[in-house]
Amino acid sequence: MADQRRTWQRLMGPVWRRIRLLVSRGVLKLVDDSLKLQGVQVSLLGGEPAWAERFQDYGFTAHPHPGAEAIVAAVGGARAHLVALAIDDRRYRLKQLAQGEVAMYDDLGNVIVFKRDKIQVQAVQHLEVTAPTCHITATTTHDGNVTINGNVVVDGNINATGDITDGVGSMQGIRDTYNGHNHPGDSGGTTGKPNQGMN
């Protein structure tokens, strides 16, 4: 019986070793972001340094900091062909999300959160949107307004199909006042209305 056990252990030993080495945890050391498939150097358990190809979801890419943690798999059990399945960084991960919420974030504090009732964008220094055209629709579900806190600088014309108002009055009110106003005449009475109205 003992001989059978030793024979079994001898035969299965290499298999078990390969199974144990299939998936490992590691700490990120370096990133090569110049490759078509990002390369990462990780320090595996026991301090073993190794390079791995990093697989990311289509349409999303990131350049993580050294010190992030990785889950690395050995394809076919071969340590010469490692792939990084996931890399996370507990130092910067956004916490306290509600169930079902999704977020993108970085170490500086730039955040996009898909919340339950809105999409929240927070830029630490500057938010820039570049597009040939841009269309914003504010529905009347709430107040139908687009609110801007701060000054607005426009390099071009402002074309409004509705009235433009501020805290005092509106453009239409200015037109009405101008087009209907008159002055005291030099010889008494009043002058007529302007001969050119404000359109």
N, C-alpha and C. Protein backbone atom coordinates (compact mmCIF):
# COMPACT_ATOMS: atom_id res chain seq x y z
N MET A 1 0.82 -1.20 0.00
CA MET A 1 0.00 0.00 0.00
C MET A 1 0.87 1.27 0.00
N ALA A 2 1.92 1.23 0.81
CA ALA A 2 2.82 2.37 0.88
C ALA A 2 3.51 2.59 -0.46
N ASP A 3 3.87 1.48 -1.12
CA ASP A 3 4.51 1.60 -2.42
C ASP A 3 3.57 2.22 -3.44
N GLN A 4 2.30 1.83 -3.38
CA GLN A 4 1.32 2.42 -4.30
C GLN A 4 1.17 3.92 -4.05
N ARG A 5 1.16 4.32 -2.75
CA ARG A 5 1.02 5.74 -2.41
C ARG A 5 2.21 6.52 -2.94
N ARG A 6 3.43 5.98 -2.76
CA ARG A 6 4.61 6.67 -3.24
C ARG A 6 4.61 6.77 -4.76
N THR A 7 4.17 5.72 -5.42
CA THR A 7 4.08 5.75 -6.88
C THR A 7 3.08 6.80 -7.34
N TRP A 8 1.94 6.84 -6.66
CA TRP A 8 0.91 7.83 -6.99
C TRP A 8 1.44 9.25 -6.78
N GLN A 9 2.11 9.49 -5.68
CA GLN A 9 2.67 10.82 -5.39
C GLN A 9 3.72 11.20 -6.42
N ARG A 10 4.54 10.22 -6.82
CA ARG A 10 5.58 10.50 -7.81
C ARG A 10 4.97 10.85 -9.16
N LEU A 11 3.90 10.15 -9.52
CA LEU A 11 3.26 10.43 -10.81
C LEU A 11 2.48 11.74 -10.80
N MET A 12 1.79 12.00 -9.69
CA MET A 12 0.91 13.18 -9.63
C MET A 12 1.62 14.43 -9.14
N GLY A 13 2.83 14.28 -8.59
CA GLY A 13 3.55 15.44 -8.06
C GLY A 13 3.70 16.57 -9.06
N PRO A 14 4.21 16.29 -10.28
CA PRO A 14 4.34 17.36 -11.27
C PRO A 14 3.01 18.00 -11.64
N VAL A 15 1.97 17.18 -11.68
CA VAL A 15 0.64 17.72 -12.02
C VAL A 15 0.17 18.69 -10.95
N TRP A 16 0.30 18.28 -9.67
CA TRP A 16 -0.13 19.16 -8.57
C TRP A 16 0.69 20.44 -8.54
N ARG A 17 1.99 20.33 -8.81
CA ARG A 17 2.82 21.53 -8.82
C ARG A 17 2.35 22.50 -9.90
N ARG A 18 2.00 21.98 -11.07
CA ARG A 18 1.52 22.85 -12.16
C ARG A 18 0.17 23.46 -11.80
N ILE A 19 -0.67 22.68 -11.13
CA ILE A 19 -1.97 23.22 -10.72
C ILE A 19 -1.78 24.35 -9.72
N ARG A 20 -0.86 24.16 -8.76
CA ARG A 20 -0.61 25.20 -7.75
C ARG A 20 -0.06 26.47 -8.39
N LEU A 21 0.67 26.32 -9.50
CA LEU A 21 1.28 27.48 -10.15
C LEU A 21 0.38 28.11 -11.21
N LEU A 22 -0.82 27.56 -11.41
CA LEU A 22 -1.71 28.10 -12.44
C LEU A 22 -2.09 29.55 -12.17
N VAL A 23 -2.45 29.86 -10.94
CA VAL A 23 -2.91 31.21 -10.59
C VAL A 23 -2.11 31.69 -9.39
N SER A 24 -1.60 32.93 -9.48
CA SER A 24 -0.80 33.50 -8.40
C SER A 24 -1.21 34.95 -8.16
N ARG A 25 -0.93 35.40 -6.97
CA ARG A 25 -1.06 36.83 -6.64
C ARG A 25 0.31 37.47 -6.77
N GLY A 26 0.32 38.74 -7.14
CA GLY A 26 1.59 39.43 -7.26
C GLY A 26 1.43 40.93 -7.05
N VAL A 27 2.56 41.61 -6.99
CA VAL A 27 2.60 43.07 -6.82
C VAL A 27 3.23 43.67 -8.07
N LEU A 28 2.57 44.66 -8.63
CA LEU A 28 3.03 45.29 -9.86
C LEU A 28 4.32 46.08 -9.62
N LYS A 29 5.30 45.89 -10.50
CA LYS A 29 6.57 46.59 -10.40
C LYS A 29 6.76 47.58 -11.55
N LEU A 30 6.52 47.14 -12.77
CA LEU A 30 6.74 47.97 -13.95
C LEU A 30 5.61 47.75 -14.95
N VAL A 31 5.39 48.77 -15.82
CA VAL A 31 4.40 48.67 -16.89
C VAL A 31 5.06 49.10 -18.19
N ASP A 32 4.88 48.32 -19.24
CA ASP A 32 5.31 48.70 -20.58
C ASP A 32 4.05 48.97 -21.39
N ASP A 33 3.70 50.25 -21.53
CA ASP A 33 2.46 50.64 -22.20
C ASP A 33 2.67 50.92 -23.68
N SER A 34 3.87 50.61 -24.21
CA SER A 34 4.15 50.85 -25.62
C SER A 34 3.72 49.68 -26.50
N LEU A 35 3.41 48.56 -25.89
CA LEU A 35 3.08 47.36 -26.65
C LEU A 35 1.61 47.36 -27.06
N LYS A 36 1.29 46.57 -28.08
CA LYS A 36 -0.11 46.44 -28.49
C LYS A 36 -0.94 45.81 -27.38
N LEU A 37 -0.35 44.87 -26.66
CA LEU A 37 -0.96 44.30 -25.46
C LEU A 37 -0.05 44.67 -24.31
N GLN A 38 -0.57 45.43 -23.38
CA GLN A 38 0.26 46.00 -22.31
C GLN A 38 1.04 44.90 -21.58
N GLY A 39 2.31 45.19 -21.32
CA GLY A 39 3.15 44.26 -20.57
C GLY A 39 3.36 44.77 -19.16
N VAL A 40 3.34 43.87 -18.19
CA VAL A 40 3.55 44.26 -16.79
C VAL A 40 4.56 43.33 -16.16
N GLN A 41 5.40 43.91 -15.32
CA GLN A 41 6.30 43.09 -14.52
C GLN A 41 5.73 43.00 -13.12
N VAL A 42 5.56 41.80 -12.63
CA VAL A 42 4.99 41.60 -11.31
C VAL A 42 5.95 40.78 -10.47
N SER A 43 5.89 41.05 -9.17
CA SER A 43 6.65 40.25 -8.22
C SER A 43 5.67 39.25 -7.61
N LEU A 44 5.85 37.98 -7.93
CA LEU A 44 4.92 36.95 -7.47
C LEU A 44 5.26 36.54 -6.04
N LEU A 45 4.43 35.69 -5.49
CA LEU A 45 4.69 35.22 -4.12
C LEU A 45 6.07 34.59 -4.06
N GLY A 46 6.80 34.95 -3.03
CA GLY A 46 8.17 34.48 -2.92
C GLY A 46 9.16 35.43 -3.56
N GLY A 47 8.67 36.55 -4.11
CA GLY A 47 9.54 37.55 -4.69
C GLY A 47 9.99 37.26 -6.10
N GLU A 48 9.39 36.26 -6.73
CA GLU A 48 9.78 35.90 -8.10
C GLU A 48 9.31 36.97 -9.08
N PRO A 49 10.25 37.67 -9.77
CA PRO A 49 9.83 38.68 -10.76
C PRO A 49 9.50 38.00 -12.08
N ALA A 50 8.45 38.49 -12.74
CA ALA A 50 8.06 37.88 -14.01
C ALA A 50 7.31 38.91 -14.85
N TRP A 51 7.42 38.76 -16.17
CA TRP A 51 6.67 39.61 -17.09
C TRP A 51 5.41 38.88 -17.53
N ALA A 52 4.35 39.63 -17.70
CA ALA A 52 3.08 39.05 -18.12
C ALA A 52 2.39 39.97 -19.09
N GLU A 53 1.61 39.38 -20.01
CA GLU A 53 0.74 40.17 -20.86
C GLU A 53 -0.51 40.52 -20.06
N ARG A 54 -0.92 41.77 -20.17
CA ARG A 54 -2.10 42.19 -19.41
C ARG A 54 -3.31 42.26 -20.32
N PHE A 55 -4.33 41.49 -20.01
CA PHE A 55 -5.58 41.53 -20.76
C PHE A 55 -6.54 42.49 -20.07
N GLN A 56 -7.07 43.45 -20.86
CA GLN A 56 -8.03 44.42 -20.35
C GLN A 56 -9.31 44.30 -21.16
N ASP A 57 -10.40 44.80 -20.59
CA ASP A 57 -11.67 44.78 -21.31
C ASP A 57 -11.60 45.71 -22.52
N TYR A 58 -12.23 45.29 -23.62
CA TYR A 58 -12.25 46.10 -24.83
C TYR A 58 -12.86 47.47 -24.53
N GLY A 59 -12.23 48.51 -25.07
CA GLY A 59 -12.74 49.86 -24.90
C GLY A 59 -12.27 50.54 -23.62
N PHE A 60 -11.53 49.84 -22.78
CA PHE A 60 -11.05 50.43 -21.54
C PHE A 60 -9.59 50.06 -21.35
N THR A 61 -8.77 51.04 -20.99
CA THR A 61 -7.37 50.76 -20.70
C THR A 61 -6.90 51.67 -19.58
N ALA A 62 -5.91 51.23 -18.85
CA ALA A 62 -5.38 52.01 -17.74
C ALA A 62 -3.90 51.71 -17.59
N HIS A 63 -3.19 52.66 -16.99
CA HIS A 63 -1.76 52.50 -16.71
C HIS A 63 -1.61 52.55 -15.19
N PRO A 64 -1.64 51.40 -14.53
CA PRO A 64 -1.62 51.38 -13.07
C PRO A 64 -0.26 51.75 -12.50
N HIS A 65 -0.29 52.15 -11.23
CA HIS A 65 0.94 52.52 -10.51
C HIS A 65 1.64 51.27 -9.97
N PRO A 66 2.97 51.35 -9.85
CA PRO A 66 3.67 50.28 -9.13
C PRO A 66 3.10 50.16 -7.72
N GLY A 67 3.03 48.95 -7.24
CA GLY A 67 2.44 48.71 -5.93
C GLY A 67 1.02 48.19 -6.01
N ALA A 68 0.39 48.30 -7.20
CA ALA A 68 -0.94 47.71 -7.38
C ALA A 68 -0.82 46.19 -7.31
N GLU A 69 -1.93 45.54 -7.06
CA GLU A 69 -1.93 44.09 -6.89
C GLU A 69 -2.52 43.41 -8.12
N ALA A 70 -1.97 42.24 -8.47
CA ALA A 70 -2.36 41.56 -9.70
C ALA A 70 -2.69 40.10 -9.42
N ILE A 71 -3.62 39.59 -10.24
CA ILE A 71 -3.88 38.17 -10.30
C ILE A 71 -3.30 37.68 -11.62
N VAL A 72 -2.37 36.75 -11.55
CA VAL A 72 -1.63 36.29 -12.73
C VAL A 72 -1.88 34.80 -12.93
N ALA A 73 -2.12 34.43 -14.19
CA ALA A 73 -2.35 33.02 -14.52
C ALA A 73 -1.26 32.54 -15.46
N ALA A 74 -0.88 31.29 -15.29
CA ALA A 74 0.10 30.65 -16.17
C ALA A 74 -0.67 29.82 -17.19
N VAL A 75 -0.61 30.22 -18.45
CA VAL A 75 -1.35 29.52 -19.50
C VAL A 75 -0.79 28.11 -19.66
N GLY A 76 -1.66 27.12 -19.52
CA GLY A 76 -1.22 25.73 -19.62
C GLY A 76 -0.30 25.32 -18.50
N GLY A 77 -0.25 26.11 -17.42
CA GLY A 77 0.63 25.80 -16.30
C GLY A 77 2.08 26.17 -16.55
N ALA A 78 2.36 26.84 -17.68
CA ALA A 78 3.75 27.21 -18.01
C ALA A 78 4.06 28.60 -17.48
N ARG A 79 5.03 28.71 -16.58
CA ARG A 79 5.39 30.00 -16.01
C ARG A 79 6.04 30.92 -17.04
N ALA A 80 6.43 30.37 -18.17
CA ALA A 80 7.03 31.19 -19.23
C ALA A 80 5.96 31.97 -20.00
N HIS A 81 4.70 31.62 -19.83
CA HIS A 81 3.62 32.32 -20.52
C HIS A 81 2.59 32.76 -19.50
N LEU A 82 2.84 33.95 -18.90
CA LEU A 82 1.96 34.48 -17.88
C LEU A 82 1.04 35.55 -18.46
N VAL A 83 -0.16 35.59 -17.95
CA VAL A 83 -1.09 36.66 -18.32
C VAL A 83 -1.66 37.26 -17.03
N ALA A 84 -1.76 38.59 -17.01
CA ALA A 84 -2.37 39.29 -15.88
C ALA A 84 -3.86 39.41 -16.15
N LEU A 85 -4.66 38.76 -15.31
CA LEU A 85 -6.11 38.74 -15.50
C LEU A 85 -6.78 39.96 -14.90
N ALA A 86 -6.24 40.46 -13.82
CA ALA A 86 -6.83 41.62 -13.15
C ALA A 86 -5.76 42.34 -12.36
N ILE A 87 -5.87 43.67 -12.34
CA ILE A 87 -4.98 44.50 -11.52
C ILE A 87 -5.84 45.51 -10.79
N ASP A 88 -5.71 45.56 -9.49
CA ASP A 88 -6.48 46.49 -8.67
C ASP A 88 -5.52 47.21 -7.74
N ASP A 89 -5.97 48.37 -7.23
CA ASP A 89 -5.12 49.15 -6.33
C ASP A 89 -5.96 49.64 -5.17
N ARG A 90 -5.80 48.99 -4.05
CA ARG A 90 -6.61 49.31 -2.88
C ARG A 90 -6.34 50.71 -2.34
N ARG A 91 -5.21 51.31 -2.75
CA ARG A 91 -4.89 52.66 -2.28
C ARG A 91 -5.83 53.71 -2.86
N TYR A 92 -6.35 53.47 -4.05
CA TYR A 92 -7.12 54.50 -4.74
C TYR A 92 -8.55 54.08 -5.07
N ARG A 93 -8.92 52.84 -4.81
CA ARG A 93 -10.23 52.38 -5.21
C ARG A 93 -11.35 53.22 -4.60
N LEU A 94 -12.31 53.58 -5.43
CA LEU A 94 -13.46 54.36 -4.97
C LEU A 94 -14.37 53.45 -4.15
N LYS A 95 -14.73 53.92 -2.98
CA LYS A 95 -15.54 53.10 -2.07
C LYS A 95 -16.91 53.72 -1.85
N GLN A 96 -17.75 53.01 -1.15
CA GLN A 96 -19.08 53.45 -0.75
C GLN A 96 -20.03 53.66 -1.94
N LEU A 97 -19.87 52.88 -3.00
CA LEU A 97 -20.84 52.94 -4.10
C LEU A 97 -22.10 52.21 -3.68
N ALA A 98 -23.23 52.70 -4.20
CA ALA A 98 -24.49 52.00 -3.96
C ALA A 98 -24.55 50.77 -4.85
N GLN A 99 -25.39 49.82 -4.48
CA GLN A 99 -25.52 48.59 -5.25
C GLN A 99 -25.94 48.93 -6.68
N GLY A 100 -25.20 48.41 -7.66
CA GLY A 100 -25.50 48.65 -9.06
C GLY A 100 -24.76 49.83 -9.67
N GLU A 101 -24.11 50.65 -8.85
CA GLU A 101 -23.39 51.82 -9.39
C GLU A 101 -22.04 51.39 -9.97
N VAL A 102 -21.58 52.17 -10.95
CA VAL A 102 -20.32 51.91 -11.64
C VAL A 102 -19.49 53.19 -11.64
N ALA A 103 -18.18 53.06 -11.55
CA ALA A 103 -17.34 54.26 -11.50
C ALA A 103 -16.03 54.03 -12.23
N MET A 104 -15.48 55.13 -12.76
CA MET A 104 -14.11 55.17 -13.26
C MET A 104 -13.38 56.21 -12.42
N TYR A 105 -12.13 55.94 -12.09
CA TYR A 105 -11.41 56.83 -11.18
C TYR A 105 -9.92 56.72 -11.42
N ASP A 106 -9.17 57.67 -10.86
CA ASP A 106 -7.71 57.57 -10.88
C ASP A 106 -7.17 57.99 -9.53
N ASP A 107 -5.86 58.03 -9.41
CA ASP A 107 -5.24 58.33 -8.13
C ASP A 107 -5.30 59.81 -7.77
N LEU A 108 -5.62 60.69 -8.74
CA LEU A 108 -5.67 62.12 -8.47
C LEU A 108 -7.00 62.57 -7.91
N GLY A 109 -8.04 61.78 -8.10
CA GLY A 109 -9.37 62.17 -7.65
C GLY A 109 -10.32 62.48 -8.79
N ASN A 110 -9.89 62.30 -10.04
CA ASN A 110 -10.80 62.44 -11.18
C ASN A 110 -11.75 61.24 -11.17
N VAL A 111 -13.06 61.52 -11.27
CA VAL A 111 -14.04 60.46 -11.07
C VAL A 111 -15.20 60.63 -12.04
N ILE A 112 -15.67 59.53 -12.60
CA ILE A 112 -16.95 59.46 -13.29
C ILE A 112 -17.75 58.37 -12.60
N VAL A 113 -18.92 58.74 -12.06
CA VAL A 113 -19.74 57.78 -11.34
C VAL A 113 -21.10 57.68 -12.02
N PHE A 114 -21.47 56.47 -12.41
CA PHE A 114 -22.81 56.20 -12.92
C PHE A 114 -23.68 55.88 -11.71
N LYS A 115 -24.31 56.93 -11.17
CA LYS A 115 -25.11 56.78 -9.96
C LYS A 115 -26.52 56.32 -10.32
N ARG A 116 -27.33 56.08 -9.31
CA ARG A 116 -28.68 55.59 -9.53
C ARG A 116 -29.57 56.63 -10.22
N ASP A 117 -29.31 57.93 -9.97
CA ASP A 117 -30.19 58.97 -10.50
C ASP A 117 -29.48 59.97 -11.40
N LYS A 118 -28.18 59.79 -11.64
CA LYS A 118 -27.44 60.75 -12.46
C LYS A 118 -26.08 60.19 -12.81
N ILE A 119 -25.39 60.86 -13.71
CA ILE A 119 -23.98 60.57 -13.99
C ILE A 119 -23.19 61.75 -13.44
N GLN A 120 -22.27 61.47 -12.56
CA GLN A 120 -21.51 62.51 -11.88
C GLN A 120 -20.07 62.51 -12.39
N VAL A 121 -19.62 63.66 -12.88
CA VAL A 121 -18.25 63.81 -13.38
C VAL A 121 -17.53 64.82 -12.49
N GLN A 122 -16.40 64.43 -11.97
CA GLN A 122 -15.61 65.32 -11.12
C GLN A 122 -14.19 65.36 -11.64
N ALA A 123 -13.77 66.55 -12.11
CA ALA A 123 -12.41 66.74 -12.60
C ALA A 123 -11.63 67.56 -11.57
N VAL A 124 -10.44 67.12 -11.27
CA VAL A 124 -9.63 67.81 -10.25
C VAL A 124 -9.17 69.18 -10.75
N GLN A 125 -8.77 69.28 -12.03
CA GLN A 125 -8.24 70.54 -12.54
C GLN A 125 -9.01 71.06 -13.74
N HIS A 126 -9.32 70.22 -14.71
CA HIS A 126 -9.85 70.73 -15.97
C HIS A 126 -10.66 69.63 -16.66
N LEU A 127 -11.81 70.01 -17.20
CA LEU A 127 -12.63 69.09 -17.98
C LEU A 127 -12.71 69.61 -19.40
N GLU A 128 -12.37 68.78 -20.35
CA GLU A 128 -12.32 69.22 -21.74
C GLU A 128 -13.11 68.23 -22.60
N VAL A 129 -14.00 68.78 -23.44
CA VAL A 129 -14.78 67.99 -24.38
C VAL A 129 -14.50 68.51 -25.78
N THR A 130 -14.09 67.65 -26.68
CA THR A 130 -13.81 68.05 -28.05
C THR A 130 -14.66 67.21 -29.00
N ALA A 131 -15.43 67.89 -29.85
CA ALA A 131 -16.28 67.18 -30.81
C ALA A 131 -16.65 68.15 -31.93
N PRO A 132 -16.86 67.64 -33.16
CA PRO A 132 -17.31 68.52 -34.25
C PRO A 132 -18.64 69.18 -33.93
N THR A 133 -19.54 68.45 -33.28
CA THR A 133 -20.82 69.00 -32.83
C THR A 133 -21.10 68.47 -31.43
N CYS A 134 -21.89 69.21 -30.69
CA CYS A 134 -22.26 68.80 -29.33
C CYS A 134 -23.71 69.20 -29.10
N HIS A 135 -24.51 68.27 -28.60
CA HIS A 135 -25.93 68.53 -28.38
C HIS A 135 -26.27 68.08 -26.96
N ILE A 136 -26.82 68.99 -26.17
CA ILE A 136 -27.24 68.68 -24.80
C ILE A 136 -28.75 68.88 -24.73
N THR A 137 -29.46 67.87 -24.30
CA THR A 137 -30.90 67.96 -24.14
C THR A 137 -31.23 67.82 -22.66
N ALA A 138 -31.83 68.86 -22.10
CA ALA A 138 -32.31 68.81 -20.72
C ALA A 138 -33.82 68.62 -20.78
N THR A 139 -34.29 67.45 -20.41
CA THR A 139 -35.71 67.16 -20.51
C THR A 139 -36.49 67.88 -19.41
N THR A 140 -37.78 67.89 -19.55
CA THR A 140 -38.61 68.57 -18.56
C THR A 140 -39.01 67.65 -17.42
N THR A 141 -38.31 66.52 -17.27
CA THR A 141 -38.60 65.61 -16.17
C THR A 141 -38.41 66.33 -14.83
N HIS A 142 -37.38 67.17 -14.77
CA HIS A 142 -37.16 67.95 -13.55
C HIS A 142 -37.53 69.41 -13.83
N ASP A 143 -36.54 70.26 -14.10
CA ASP A 143 -36.85 71.66 -14.39
C ASP A 143 -36.52 72.04 -15.83
N GLY A 144 -35.90 71.12 -16.60
CA GLY A 144 -35.60 71.41 -18.00
C GLY A 144 -34.49 72.42 -18.19
N ASN A 145 -33.70 72.67 -17.16
CA ASN A 145 -32.65 73.68 -17.23
C ASN A 145 -31.27 73.05 -17.26
N VAL A 146 -30.35 73.72 -17.94
CA VAL A 146 -28.93 73.41 -17.85
C VAL A 146 -28.31 74.49 -16.97
N THR A 147 -27.78 74.13 -15.83
CA THR A 147 -27.27 75.10 -14.86
C THR A 147 -25.75 75.16 -14.94
N ILE A 148 -25.21 76.36 -15.07
CA ILE A 148 -23.76 76.58 -15.09
C ILE A 148 -23.41 77.53 -13.96
N ASN A 149 -22.57 77.08 -13.05
CA ASN A 149 -22.11 77.94 -11.96
C ASN A 149 -20.73 78.47 -12.33
N GLY A 150 -20.68 79.72 -12.77
CA GLY A 150 -19.42 80.31 -13.20
C GLY A 150 -19.62 81.09 -14.48
N ASN A 151 -18.57 81.74 -14.92
CA ASN A 151 -18.64 82.53 -16.14
C ASN A 151 -18.62 81.63 -17.37
N VAL A 152 -19.24 82.12 -18.44
CA VAL A 152 -19.29 81.39 -19.70
C VAL A 152 -18.52 82.19 -20.74
N VAL A 153 -17.51 81.58 -21.35
CA VAL A 153 -16.73 82.22 -22.40
C VAL A 153 -17.01 81.47 -23.69
N VAL A 154 -17.48 82.19 -24.71
CA VAL A 154 -17.85 81.56 -25.97
C VAL A 154 -17.02 82.17 -27.08
N ASP A 155 -16.32 81.32 -27.82
CA ASP A 155 -15.54 81.77 -28.97
C ASP A 155 -16.36 81.51 -30.23
N GLY A 156 -17.35 82.37 -30.45
CA GLY A 156 -18.27 82.19 -31.56
C GLY A 156 -19.61 82.81 -31.22
N ASN A 157 -20.59 82.58 -32.06
CA ASN A 157 -21.91 83.16 -31.86
C ASN A 157 -22.74 82.32 -30.92
N ILE A 158 -23.73 82.96 -30.30
CA ILE A 158 -24.73 82.27 -29.50
C ILE A 158 -26.04 82.37 -30.26
N ASN A 159 -26.55 81.25 -30.72
CA ASN A 159 -27.80 81.21 -31.47
C ASN A 159 -28.87 80.61 -30.57
N ALA A 160 -29.82 81.44 -30.15
CA ALA A 160 -30.88 80.97 -29.26
C ALA A 160 -32.22 81.04 -29.97
N THR A 161 -32.98 79.96 -29.91
CA THR A 161 -34.32 79.97 -30.49
C THR A 161 -35.35 80.52 -29.51
N GLY A 162 -35.00 80.57 -28.25
CA GLY A 162 -35.89 81.14 -27.24
C GLY A 162 -35.33 82.44 -26.71
N ASP A 163 -35.93 82.95 -25.65
CA ASP A 163 -35.49 84.22 -25.06
C ASP A 163 -34.25 83.99 -24.20
N ILE A 164 -33.46 85.05 -24.03
CA ILE A 164 -32.29 85.02 -23.17
C ILE A 164 -32.55 85.94 -21.99
N THR A 165 -32.45 85.42 -20.78
CA THR A 165 -32.77 86.19 -19.59
C THR A 165 -31.59 86.19 -18.63
N ASP A 166 -31.57 87.19 -17.76
CA ASP A 166 -30.63 87.21 -16.65
C ASP A 166 -31.42 87.52 -15.39
N GLY A 167 -30.74 87.96 -14.34
CA GLY A 167 -31.44 88.25 -13.09
C GLY A 167 -32.28 89.51 -13.12
N VAL A 168 -32.17 90.29 -14.19
CA VAL A 168 -32.88 91.58 -14.26
C VAL A 168 -33.99 91.56 -15.30
N GLY A 169 -33.72 91.02 -16.46
CA GLY A 169 -34.71 91.04 -17.53
C GLY A 169 -34.33 90.07 -18.63
N SER A 170 -34.92 90.31 -19.82
CA SER A 170 -34.69 89.41 -20.93
C SER A 170 -34.35 90.20 -22.18
N MET A 171 -33.80 89.52 -23.18
CA MET A 171 -33.51 90.16 -24.46
C MET A 171 -34.79 90.66 -25.12
N GLN A 172 -35.87 89.87 -25.00
CA GLN A 172 -37.13 90.32 -25.59
C GLN A 172 -37.64 91.57 -24.88
N GLY A 173 -37.43 91.63 -23.59
CA GLY A 173 -37.83 92.83 -22.85
C GLY A 173 -37.03 94.05 -23.29
N ILE A 174 -35.75 93.87 -23.56
CA ILE A 174 -34.92 94.97 -24.06
C ILE A 174 -35.43 95.44 -25.43
N ARG A 175 -35.76 94.49 -26.30
CA ARG A 175 -36.30 94.85 -27.61
C ARG A 175 -37.59 95.64 -27.47
N ASP A 176 -38.48 95.13 -26.65
CA ASP A 176 -39.78 95.80 -26.49
C ASP A 176 -39.59 97.23 -25.96
N THR A 177 -38.69 97.40 -24.99
CA THR A 177 -38.46 98.73 -24.43
C THR A 177 -37.86 99.66 -25.47
N TYR A 178 -36.86 99.13 -26.20
CA TYR A 178 -36.21 99.98 -27.20
C TYR A 178 -37.16 100.34 -28.33
N ASN A 179 -37.84 99.36 -28.85
CA ASN A 179 -38.70 99.61 -30.01
C ASN A 179 -39.87 100.52 -29.68
N GLY A 180 -40.29 100.58 -28.44
CA GLY A 180 -41.45 101.41 -28.09
C GLY A 180 -41.09 102.70 -27.37
N HIS A 181 -39.80 102.95 -27.17
CA HIS A 181 -39.47 104.12 -26.34
C HIS A 181 -39.52 105.42 -27.17
N ASN A 182 -39.68 106.55 -26.46
CA ASN A 182 -39.62 107.88 -27.08
C ASN A 182 -38.92 108.82 -26.11
N HIS A 183 -38.72 110.08 -26.57
CA HIS A 183 -38.03 111.09 -25.76
C HIS A 183 -38.83 112.38 -25.77
N PRO A 184 -38.60 113.22 -24.77
CA PRO A 184 -39.20 114.56 -24.84
C PRO A 184 -38.65 115.31 -26.06
N GLY A 185 -39.53 115.96 -26.79
CA GLY A 185 -39.10 116.71 -27.96
C GLY A 185 -38.48 118.04 -27.58
N ASP A 186 -37.71 118.64 -28.51
CA ASP A 186 -37.07 119.93 -28.25
C ASP A 186 -38.11 121.04 -28.08
N SER A 187 -39.24 120.93 -28.76
CA SER A 187 -40.26 121.99 -28.71
C SER A 187 -41.49 121.53 -27.94
N GLY A 188 -41.30 120.61 -27.04
CA GLY A 188 -42.43 120.06 -26.28
C GLY A 188 -42.91 118.77 -26.91
N GLY A 189 -43.80 118.07 -26.22
CA GLY A 189 -44.31 116.81 -26.72
C GLY A 189 -43.23 115.73 -26.63
N THR A 190 -43.38 114.71 -27.39
CA THR A 190 -42.42 113.61 -27.41
C THR A 190 -42.04 113.26 -28.84
N THR A 191 -40.89 112.66 -28.94
CA THR A 191 -40.44 112.20 -30.27
C THR A 191 -41.19 110.94 -30.65
N GLY A 192 -41.13 110.57 -31.89
CA GLY A 192 -41.71 109.31 -32.31
C GLY A 192 -40.83 108.14 -31.90
N LYS A 193 -41.32 106.95 -32.16
CA LYS A 193 -40.54 105.75 -31.84
C LYS A 193 -39.35 105.64 -32.79
N PRO A 194 -38.34 104.87 -32.44
CA PRO A 194 -37.18 104.75 -33.33
C PRO A 194 -37.59 104.30 -34.72
N ASN A 195 -36.97 104.89 -35.73
CA ASN A 195 -37.33 104.48 -37.09
C ASN A 195 -36.68 103.17 -37.49
N GLN A 196 -35.78 102.65 -36.66
CA GLN A 196 -35.21 101.32 -36.87
C GLN A 196 -35.36 100.52 -35.58
N GLY A 197 -36.18 99.49 -35.62
CA GLY A 197 -36.43 98.69 -34.43
C GLY A 197 -35.32 97.67 -34.20
N MET A 198 -35.23 97.18 -33.00
CA MET A 198 -34.27 96.14 -32.65
C MET A 198 -34.93 94.78 -32.91
N ASN A 199 -34.35 94.04 -33.82
CA ASN A 199 -34.93 92.74 -34.16
C ASN A 199 -34.50 91.69 -33.16
